[in-house]
Amino acid sequence: MSNNKRGEGSFSLRKDGTWTGRLFLGRDSNGKQKVKAFYGKSKSEVKQKLKDFQEKNKEYNCSVAYKLTFAELLTYWLENVKRNELKASSYDRLEITIAR
């Protein structure tokens, strides 16, 4: 179990003996996670690379990572999941309701 604080990334030792660190950057417009990976010979080297990246790229700070609003999530659901399942009138009604 990792004891890293939020935004510090996650670290693991690979089978080849190198360390990897991953930092969650948020989600893209389709809701897919964006992750940045760092590699090094030691955990401390990877931590330093991750810290340097965060300093250079403040907009990727996990405390301000992109999050979908409820309205954005509903719009995504309507357009990508329900569009082909609903009658046109039902789709239009839901679209208007979400837009309010």
N, C-alpha and C. Protein backbone atom coordinates (compact mmCIF):
# COMPACT_ATOMS: atom_id res chain seq x y z
N MET A 1 0.85 -1.19 0.00
CA MET A 1 0.00 0.00 0.00
C MET A 1 0.88 1.24 0.00
N SER A 2 0.59 2.16 -0.86
CA SER A 2 1.35 3.39 -0.98
C SER A 2 0.88 4.41 0.04
N ASN A 3 1.83 5.19 0.55
CA ASN A 3 1.46 6.25 1.47
C ASN A 3 1.70 7.63 0.86
N ASN A 4 1.63 7.70 -0.46
CA ASN A 4 1.80 8.97 -1.16
C ASN A 4 0.58 9.85 -0.95
N LYS A 5 0.83 11.16 -0.87
CA LYS A 5 -0.26 12.10 -0.78
C LYS A 5 -0.85 12.33 -2.16
N ARG A 6 -2.07 12.85 -2.19
CA ARG A 6 -2.72 13.14 -3.46
C ARG A 6 -1.86 14.09 -4.30
N GLY A 7 -1.67 13.74 -5.56
CA GLY A 7 -0.89 14.58 -6.46
C GLY A 7 0.58 14.24 -6.51
N GLU A 8 1.03 13.29 -5.69
CA GLU A 8 2.44 12.92 -5.70
C GLU A 8 2.74 11.80 -6.68
N GLY A 9 1.72 11.22 -7.28
CA GLY A 9 1.92 10.15 -8.24
C GLY A 9 2.00 8.79 -7.57
N SER A 10 2.13 7.76 -8.38
CA SER A 10 2.28 6.40 -7.86
C SER A 10 3.55 5.80 -8.44
N PHE A 11 4.22 4.97 -7.65
CA PHE A 11 5.52 4.43 -8.03
C PHE A 11 5.50 2.93 -7.91
N SER A 12 6.27 2.28 -8.81
CA SER A 12 6.38 0.82 -8.73
C SER A 12 7.73 0.40 -9.31
N LEU A 13 8.20 -0.73 -8.80
CA LEU A 13 9.44 -1.33 -9.28
C LEU A 13 9.09 -2.31 -10.39
N ARG A 14 9.73 -2.15 -11.54
CA ARG A 14 9.46 -3.03 -12.68
C ARG A 14 10.31 -4.29 -12.60
N LYS A 15 9.91 -5.30 -13.37
CA LYS A 15 10.63 -6.58 -13.37
C LYS A 15 12.09 -6.42 -13.78
N ASP A 16 12.39 -5.43 -14.64
CA ASP A 16 13.77 -5.23 -15.10
C ASP A 16 14.61 -4.45 -14.11
N GLY A 17 14.05 -4.09 -12.94
CA GLY A 17 14.80 -3.39 -11.90
C GLY A 17 14.71 -1.88 -11.96
N THR A 18 14.07 -1.34 -12.97
CA THR A 18 13.90 0.12 -13.04
C THR A 18 12.61 0.52 -12.32
N TRP A 19 12.54 1.77 -11.97
CA TRP A 19 11.36 2.31 -11.30
C TRP A 19 10.52 3.08 -12.29
N THR A 20 9.22 3.07 -12.08
CA THR A 20 8.31 3.87 -12.88
C THR A 20 7.42 4.67 -11.94
N GLY A 21 7.11 5.87 -12.37
CA GLY A 21 6.18 6.72 -11.64
C GLY A 21 5.12 7.22 -12.60
N ARG A 22 3.88 7.26 -12.13
CA ARG A 22 2.78 7.72 -12.98
C ARG A 22 2.05 8.85 -12.27
N LEU A 23 1.69 9.85 -13.05
CA LEU A 23 0.99 11.01 -12.54
C LEU A 23 -0.30 11.20 -13.32
N PHE A 24 -1.41 11.23 -12.61
CA PHE A 24 -2.72 11.45 -13.23
C PHE A 24 -2.86 12.92 -13.56
N LEU A 25 -3.12 13.24 -14.83
CA LEU A 25 -3.20 14.63 -15.29
C LEU A 25 -4.61 15.13 -15.49
N GLY A 26 -5.59 14.27 -15.36
CA GLY A 26 -6.97 14.66 -15.59
C GLY A 26 -7.60 13.76 -16.63
N ARG A 27 -8.60 14.28 -17.29
CA ARG A 27 -9.30 13.50 -18.31
C ARG A 27 -9.40 14.33 -19.59
N ASP A 28 -9.42 13.63 -20.72
CA ASP A 28 -9.60 14.32 -21.99
C ASP A 28 -11.08 14.56 -22.23
N SER A 29 -11.42 15.12 -23.38
CA SER A 29 -12.81 15.46 -23.67
C SER A 29 -13.72 14.24 -23.78
N ASN A 30 -13.14 13.06 -23.96
CA ASN A 30 -13.93 11.83 -24.02
C ASN A 30 -14.01 11.12 -22.67
N GLY A 31 -13.42 11.71 -21.64
CA GLY A 31 -13.46 11.11 -20.32
C GLY A 31 -12.34 10.13 -20.05
N LYS A 32 -11.44 9.94 -21.01
CA LYS A 32 -10.33 9.00 -20.83
C LYS A 32 -9.23 9.65 -19.98
N GLN A 33 -8.67 8.86 -19.04
CA GLN A 33 -7.62 9.38 -18.17
C GLN A 33 -6.38 9.76 -18.97
N LYS A 34 -5.75 10.88 -18.58
CA LYS A 34 -4.47 11.28 -19.13
C LYS A 34 -3.43 11.03 -18.04
N VAL A 35 -2.40 10.23 -18.38
CA VAL A 35 -1.38 9.84 -17.41
C VAL A 35 -0.01 10.11 -18.01
N LYS A 36 0.89 10.65 -17.21
CA LYS A 36 2.28 10.88 -17.62
C LYS A 36 3.15 9.90 -16.85
N ALA A 37 4.03 9.18 -17.55
CA ALA A 37 4.90 8.19 -16.92
C ALA A 37 6.34 8.70 -16.89
N PHE A 38 7.05 8.34 -15.82
CA PHE A 38 8.46 8.70 -15.63
C PHE A 38 9.22 7.42 -15.28
N TYR A 39 10.46 7.31 -15.75
CA TYR A 39 11.26 6.11 -15.52
C TYR A 39 12.63 6.49 -15.00
N GLY A 40 13.22 5.62 -14.17
CA GLY A 40 14.56 5.86 -13.65
C GLY A 40 15.13 4.64 -12.97
N LYS A 41 16.41 4.75 -12.59
CA LYS A 41 17.09 3.63 -11.95
C LYS A 41 16.73 3.50 -10.47
N SER A 42 16.27 4.60 -9.86
CA SER A 42 15.89 4.55 -8.45
C SER A 42 14.56 5.29 -8.24
N LYS A 43 13.91 4.97 -7.14
CA LYS A 43 12.65 5.63 -6.84
C LYS A 43 12.86 7.13 -6.62
N SER A 44 13.96 7.49 -5.97
CA SER A 44 14.22 8.91 -5.73
C SER A 44 14.46 9.67 -7.03
N GLU A 45 15.09 9.02 -8.01
CA GLU A 45 15.29 9.65 -9.32
C GLU A 45 13.95 9.91 -10.00
N VAL A 46 13.06 8.94 -9.94
CA VAL A 46 11.74 9.08 -10.56
C VAL A 46 10.94 10.16 -9.84
N LYS A 47 11.01 10.19 -8.50
CA LYS A 47 10.31 11.23 -7.73
C LYS A 47 10.79 12.61 -8.13
N GLN A 48 12.10 12.75 -8.35
CA GLN A 48 12.65 14.04 -8.73
C GLN A 48 12.18 14.44 -10.13
N LYS A 49 12.14 13.49 -11.06
CA LYS A 49 11.65 13.78 -12.41
C LYS A 49 10.19 14.23 -12.37
N LEU A 50 9.40 13.56 -11.54
CA LEU A 50 7.99 13.91 -11.41
C LEU A 50 7.84 15.30 -10.81
N LYS A 51 8.63 15.58 -9.78
CA LYS A 51 8.58 16.90 -9.13
C LYS A 51 9.00 18.01 -10.11
N ASP A 52 10.05 17.75 -10.89
CA ASP A 52 10.50 18.73 -11.89
C ASP A 52 9.41 18.99 -12.93
N PHE A 53 8.74 17.93 -13.37
CA PHE A 53 7.66 18.07 -14.33
C PHE A 53 6.54 18.94 -13.75
N GLN A 54 6.17 18.68 -12.49
CA GLN A 54 5.11 19.46 -11.85
C GLN A 54 5.49 20.93 -11.74
N GLU A 55 6.73 21.21 -11.43
CA GLU A 55 7.18 22.60 -11.32
C GLU A 55 7.11 23.32 -12.68
N LYS A 56 7.49 22.61 -13.74
CA LYS A 56 7.49 23.21 -15.08
C LYS A 56 6.09 23.31 -15.66
N ASN A 57 5.18 22.47 -15.19
CA ASN A 57 3.84 22.40 -15.78
C ASN A 57 2.78 22.54 -14.69
N LYS A 58 2.68 23.69 -14.11
CA LYS A 58 1.76 23.93 -13.00
C LYS A 58 0.31 23.58 -13.35
N GLU A 59 -0.06 23.70 -14.62
CA GLU A 59 -1.44 23.43 -15.00
C GLU A 59 -1.81 21.96 -14.85
N TYR A 60 -0.80 21.08 -14.69
CA TYR A 60 -1.08 19.66 -14.50
C TYR A 60 -1.11 19.26 -13.03
N ASN A 61 -1.10 20.23 -12.16
CA ASN A 61 -1.17 19.94 -10.73
C ASN A 61 -2.47 19.19 -10.46
N CYS A 62 -2.39 18.05 -9.80
CA CYS A 62 -3.56 17.20 -9.60
C CYS A 62 -4.65 17.87 -8.78
N SER A 63 -4.31 18.85 -7.98
CA SER A 63 -5.33 19.52 -7.19
C SER A 63 -6.25 20.36 -8.06
N VAL A 64 -5.82 20.68 -9.29
CA VAL A 64 -6.66 21.44 -10.20
C VAL A 64 -6.91 20.66 -11.48
N ALA A 65 -6.81 19.34 -11.40
CA ALA A 65 -7.02 18.49 -12.57
C ALA A 65 -8.42 18.69 -13.12
N TYR A 66 -8.55 18.57 -14.42
CA TYR A 66 -9.83 18.75 -15.10
C TYR A 66 -10.85 17.75 -14.59
N LYS A 67 -12.02 18.23 -14.28
CA LYS A 67 -13.12 17.36 -13.86
C LYS A 67 -14.35 17.74 -14.65
N LEU A 68 -15.12 16.75 -15.04
CA LEU A 68 -16.35 17.00 -15.76
C LEU A 68 -17.41 17.52 -14.80
N THR A 69 -18.15 18.51 -15.24
CA THR A 69 -19.30 18.94 -14.46
C THR A 69 -20.43 17.94 -14.70
N PHE A 70 -21.44 18.00 -13.87
CA PHE A 70 -22.57 17.09 -14.02
C PHE A 70 -23.25 17.31 -15.37
N ALA A 71 -23.40 18.57 -15.78
CA ALA A 71 -24.03 18.89 -17.07
C ALA A 71 -23.20 18.33 -18.23
N GLU A 72 -21.85 18.43 -18.13
CA GLU A 72 -20.99 17.88 -19.18
C GLU A 72 -21.11 16.36 -19.25
N LEU A 73 -21.19 15.73 -18.09
CA LEU A 73 -21.35 14.29 -18.04
C LEU A 73 -22.68 13.86 -18.65
N LEU A 74 -23.76 14.57 -18.31
CA LEU A 74 -25.07 14.26 -18.89
C LEU A 74 -25.08 14.45 -20.41
N THR A 75 -24.46 15.52 -20.87
CA THR A 75 -24.39 15.78 -22.31
C THR A 75 -23.62 14.67 -23.01
N TYR A 76 -22.50 14.27 -22.43
CA TYR A 76 -21.72 13.17 -22.99
C TYR A 76 -22.56 11.89 -23.06
N TRP A 77 -23.25 11.57 -21.96
CA TRP A 77 -24.10 10.38 -21.89
C TRP A 77 -25.18 10.43 -22.97
N LEU A 78 -25.84 11.59 -23.09
CA LEU A 78 -26.92 11.73 -24.07
C LEU A 78 -26.40 11.55 -25.49
N GLU A 79 -25.29 12.20 -25.82
CA GLU A 79 -24.77 12.17 -27.19
C GLU A 79 -24.10 10.85 -27.56
N ASN A 80 -23.45 10.19 -26.60
CA ASN A 80 -22.66 9.01 -26.93
C ASN A 80 -23.27 7.68 -26.51
N VAL A 81 -24.23 7.72 -25.60
CA VAL A 81 -24.82 6.47 -25.13
C VAL A 81 -26.28 6.35 -25.58
N LYS A 82 -27.05 7.37 -25.37
CA LYS A 82 -28.49 7.28 -25.60
C LYS A 82 -28.96 7.74 -26.97
N ARG A 83 -28.13 8.42 -27.73
CA ARG A 83 -28.55 9.02 -29.01
C ARG A 83 -29.29 8.03 -29.91
N ASN A 84 -28.78 6.84 -30.09
CA ASN A 84 -29.39 5.88 -31.00
C ASN A 84 -30.51 5.06 -30.37
N GLU A 85 -30.71 5.21 -29.08
CA GLU A 85 -31.74 4.45 -28.38
C GLU A 85 -33.05 5.22 -28.23
N LEU A 86 -33.00 6.54 -28.38
CA LEU A 86 -34.17 7.39 -28.13
C LEU A 86 -34.83 7.86 -29.41
N LYS A 87 -36.13 8.10 -29.31
CA LYS A 87 -36.83 8.77 -30.40
C LYS A 87 -36.31 10.20 -30.47
N ALA A 88 -36.45 10.81 -31.62
CA ALA A 88 -35.96 12.18 -31.81
C ALA A 88 -36.60 13.13 -30.81
N SER A 89 -37.89 12.99 -30.55
CA SER A 89 -38.57 13.89 -29.62
C SER A 89 -38.06 13.70 -28.19
N SER A 90 -37.77 12.48 -27.80
CA SER A 90 -37.23 12.21 -26.45
C SER A 90 -35.82 12.79 -26.33
N TYR A 91 -35.03 12.61 -27.37
CA TYR A 91 -33.66 13.16 -27.37
C TYR A 91 -33.72 14.68 -27.22
N ASP A 92 -34.57 15.33 -28.02
CA ASP A 92 -34.70 16.79 -27.97
C ASP A 92 -35.13 17.27 -26.58
N ARG A 93 -36.08 16.56 -25.98
CA ARG A 93 -36.57 16.94 -24.65
C ARG A 93 -35.45 16.86 -23.61
N LEU A 94 -34.68 15.76 -23.65
CA LEU A 94 -33.58 15.61 -22.72
C LEU A 94 -32.47 16.65 -22.97
N GLU A 95 -32.22 16.93 -24.21
CA GLU A 95 -31.20 17.93 -24.55
C GLU A 95 -31.59 19.30 -23.98
N ILE A 96 -32.84 19.67 -24.11
CA ILE A 96 -33.33 20.94 -23.57
C ILE A 96 -33.27 20.95 -22.05
N THR A 97 -33.64 19.85 -21.44
CA THR A 97 -33.59 19.74 -19.97
C THR A 97 -32.17 19.90 -19.44
N ILE A 98 -31.22 19.26 -20.09
CA ILE A 98 -29.81 19.34 -19.67
C ILE A 98 -29.28 20.77 -19.85
N ALA A 99 -29.69 21.42 -20.93
CA ALA A 99 -29.19 22.77 -21.22
C ALA A 99 -29.67 23.82 -20.20
N ARG A 100 -30.75 23.54 -19.51
CA ARG A 100 -31.27 24.49 -18.53
C ARG A 100 -30.38 24.61 -17.41
